């Protein structure tokens, strides 16, 4: 408890907003049967989206897609491109 009290006196509250350099993560869920459509042949579709937007995209087997970058507008652009495929 002593450590927590010391921390609280040094930093009384968390920051109101994240650093502009902190990655923003957008999550969406698709039908797992559509994963192959999103990836495309030899990863062509997904790699094009990554190249165009500069985001990182991770796809889980359950259809959960994580889109991350430091720019929220690029996350949204990547999401729109993914939705067009579906």
C-alpha atoms as a PDB file:
ATOM      1  CA  UNK A   1       0.000   0.000   0.000  1.00  0.00           C
ATOM      2  CA  UNK A   2       2.901   2.336   0.664  1.00  0.00           C
ATOM      3  CA  UNK A   3       3.958   2.114  -2.975  1.00  0.00           C
ATOM      4  CA  UNK A   4       0.450   2.868  -4.212  1.00  0.00           C
ATOM      5  CA  UNK A   5       0.156   5.863  -1.884  1.00  0.00           C
ATOM      6  CA  UNK A   6       3.486   7.168  -3.142  1.00  0.00           C
ATOM      7  CA  UNK A   7       2.393   6.703  -6.756  1.00  0.00           C
ATOM      8  CA  UNK A   8      -0.904   8.449  -6.089  1.00  0.00           C
ATOM      9  CA  UNK A   9       0.823  11.474  -4.594  1.00  0.00           C
ATOM     10  CA  UNK A  10       3.110  11.705  -7.633  1.00  0.00           C
ATOM     11  CA  UNK A  11       0.471  11.064 -10.285  1.00  0.00           C
ATOM     12  CA  UNK A  12      -2.945  11.983  -8.840  1.00  0.00           C
ATOM     13  CA  UNK A  13      -4.939  11.127 -12.001  1.00  0.00           C
ATOM     14  CA  UNK A  14      -4.466   9.415 -15.309  1.00  0.00           C
ATOM     15  CA  UNK A  15      -4.101  11.423 -18.483  1.00  0.00           C
ATOM     16  CA  UNK A  16      -7.312  12.508 -20.133  1.00  0.00           C
ATOM     17  CA  UNK A  17      -6.202  11.323 -23.552  1.00  0.00           C
ATOM     18  CA  UNK A  18      -3.591   9.083 -25.103  1.00  0.00           C
ATOM     19  CA  UNK A  19      -0.449  10.292 -26.768  1.00  0.00           C
ATOM     20  CA  UNK A  20      -0.920  10.930 -30.465  1.00  0.00           C
ATOM     21  CA  UNK A  21       1.795   8.303 -31.025  1.00  0.00           C
ATOM     22  CA  UNK A  22      -0.032   5.588 -29.087  1.00  0.00           C
ATOM     23  CA  UNK A  23      -1.522   2.922 -31.352  1.00  0.00           C
ATOM     24  CA  UNK A  24      -5.285   3.021 -31.783  1.00  0.00           C
ATOM     25  CA  UNK A  25      -6.934  -0.383 -32.157  1.00  0.00           C
ATOM     26  CA  UNK A  26     -10.191  -0.929 -33.981  1.00  0.00           C
ATOM     27  CA  UNK A  27     -11.919  -4.299 -33.610  1.00  0.00           C
ATOM     28  CA  UNK A  28     -14.493  -5.808 -35.917  1.00  0.00           C
ATOM     29  CA  UNK A  29     -15.993  -9.251 -36.304  1.00  0.00           C
ATOM     30  CA  UNK A  30     -16.801 -11.059 -39.516  1.00  0.00           C
ATOM     31  CA  UNK A  31     -18.174 -14.466 -40.383  1.00  0.00           C
ATOM     32  CA  UNK A  32     -15.204 -16.877 -40.134  1.00  0.00           C
ATOM     33  CA  UNK A  33     -16.176 -18.263 -43.553  1.00  0.00           C
ATOM     34  CA  UNK A  34     -15.318 -14.844 -45.051  1.00  0.00           C
ATOM     35  CA  UNK A  35     -11.737 -14.762 -43.751  1.00  0.00           C
ATOM     36  CA  UNK A  36     -10.388 -16.205 -47.003  1.00  0.00           C
ATOM     37  CA  UNK A  37     -12.177 -13.438 -48.954  1.00  0.00           C
ATOM     38  CA  UNK A  38     -10.542 -10.782 -46.776  1.00  0.00           C
ATOM     39  CA  UNK A  39      -7.092 -12.322 -47.166  1.00  0.00           C
ATOM     40  CA  UNK A  40      -7.470 -13.019 -50.887  1.00  0.00           C
ATOM     41  CA  UNK A  41      -5.295 -15.255 -53.049  1.00  0.00           C
ATOM     42  CA  UNK A  42      -1.738 -15.312 -51.665  1.00  0.00           C
ATOM     43  CA  UNK A  43      -2.706 -12.487 -49.278  1.00  0.00           C
ATOM     44  CA  UNK A  44      -3.263 -10.063 -52.149  1.00  0.00           C
ATOM     45  CA  UNK A  45      -6.374  -8.348 -50.700  1.00  0.00           C
ATOM     46  CA  UNK A  46      -5.118  -7.870 -47.163  1.00  0.00           C
ATOM     47  CA  UNK A  47      -1.643  -6.803 -48.257  1.00  0.00           C
ATOM     48  CA  UNK A  48      -3.118  -4.154 -50.573  1.00  0.00           C
ATOM     49  CA  UNK A  49      -5.159  -2.700 -47.693  1.00  0.00           C
ATOM     50  CA  UNK A  50      -2.099  -2.685 -45.427  1.00  0.00           C
ATOM     51  CA  UNK A  51      -0.018  -1.030 -48.157  1.00  0.00           C
ATOM     52  CA  UNK A  52      -2.663   1.627 -48.900  1.00  0.00           C
ATOM     53  CA  UNK A  53      -3.352   2.564 -45.277  1.00  0.00           C
ATOM     54  CA  UNK A  54      -0.203   1.712 -43.315  1.00  0.00           C
ATOM     55  CA  UNK A  55      -2.173  -0.173 -40.665  1.00  0.00           C
ATOM     56  CA  UNK A  56      -1.433  -3.514 -39.052  1.00  0.00           C
ATOM     57  CA  UNK A  57      -4.186  -6.110 -39.451  1.00  0.00           C
ATOM     58  CA  UNK A  58      -4.499  -9.291 -37.397  1.00  0.00           C
ATOM     59  CA  UNK A  59      -7.243 -11.825 -38.075  1.00  0.00           C
ATOM     60  CA  UNK A  60      -8.261 -14.459 -35.541  1.00  0.00           C
ATOM     61  CA  UNK A  61      -9.792 -17.802 -36.547  1.00  0.00           C
ATOM     62  CA  UNK A  62     -13.102 -16.816 -34.921  1.00  0.00           C
ATOM     63  CA  UNK A  63     -13.465 -13.892 -37.368  1.00  0.00           C
ATOM     64  CA  UNK A  64     -12.239 -11.137 -35.056  1.00  0.00           C
ATOM     65  CA  UNK A  65     -10.164  -8.561 -36.921  1.00  0.00           C
ATOM     66  CA  UNK A  66      -7.836  -6.121 -35.150  1.00  0.00           C
ATOM     67  CA  UNK A  67      -6.810  -3.033 -37.118  1.00  0.00           C
ATOM     68  CA  UNK A  68      -4.150  -0.860 -35.505  1.00  0.00           C
ATOM     69  CA  UNK A  69      -2.119   2.230 -36.306  1.00  0.00           C
ATOM     70  CA  UNK A  70      -1.288   5.559 -34.730  1.00  0.00           C
ATOM     71  CA  UNK A  71      -3.822   7.266 -37.010  1.00  0.00           C
ATOM     72  CA  UNK A  72      -7.515   6.634 -36.328  1.00  0.00           C
ATOM     73  CA  UNK A  73      -8.517   7.836 -39.793  1.00  0.00           C
ATOM     74  CA  UNK A  74      -6.323   5.153 -41.387  1.00  0.00           C
ATOM     75  CA  UNK A  75      -8.000   2.527 -39.181  1.00  0.00           C
ATOM     76  CA  UNK A  76     -11.385   3.705 -40.450  1.00  0.00           C
ATOM     77  CA  UNK A  77     -10.177   3.712 -44.059  1.00  0.00           C
ATOM     78  CA  UNK A  78      -8.932   0.124 -43.688  1.00  0.00           C
ATOM     79  CA  UNK A  79     -12.250  -0.910 -42.113  1.00  0.00           C
ATOM     80  CA  UNK A  80     -14.178   0.570 -45.051  1.00  0.00           C
ATOM     81  CA  UNK A  81     -11.982  -1.322 -47.499  1.00  0.00           C
ATOM     82  CA  UNK A  82     -12.552  -4.561 -45.576  1.00  0.00           C
ATOM     83  CA  UNK A  83     -16.309  -4.009 -45.543  1.00  0.00           C
ATOM     84  CA  UNK A  84     -16.300  -3.468 -49.326  1.00  0.00           C
ATOM     85  CA  UNK A  85     -14.781  -6.931 -49.746  1.00  0.00           C
ATOM     86  CA  UNK A  86     -17.546  -8.490 -47.682  1.00  0.00           C
END
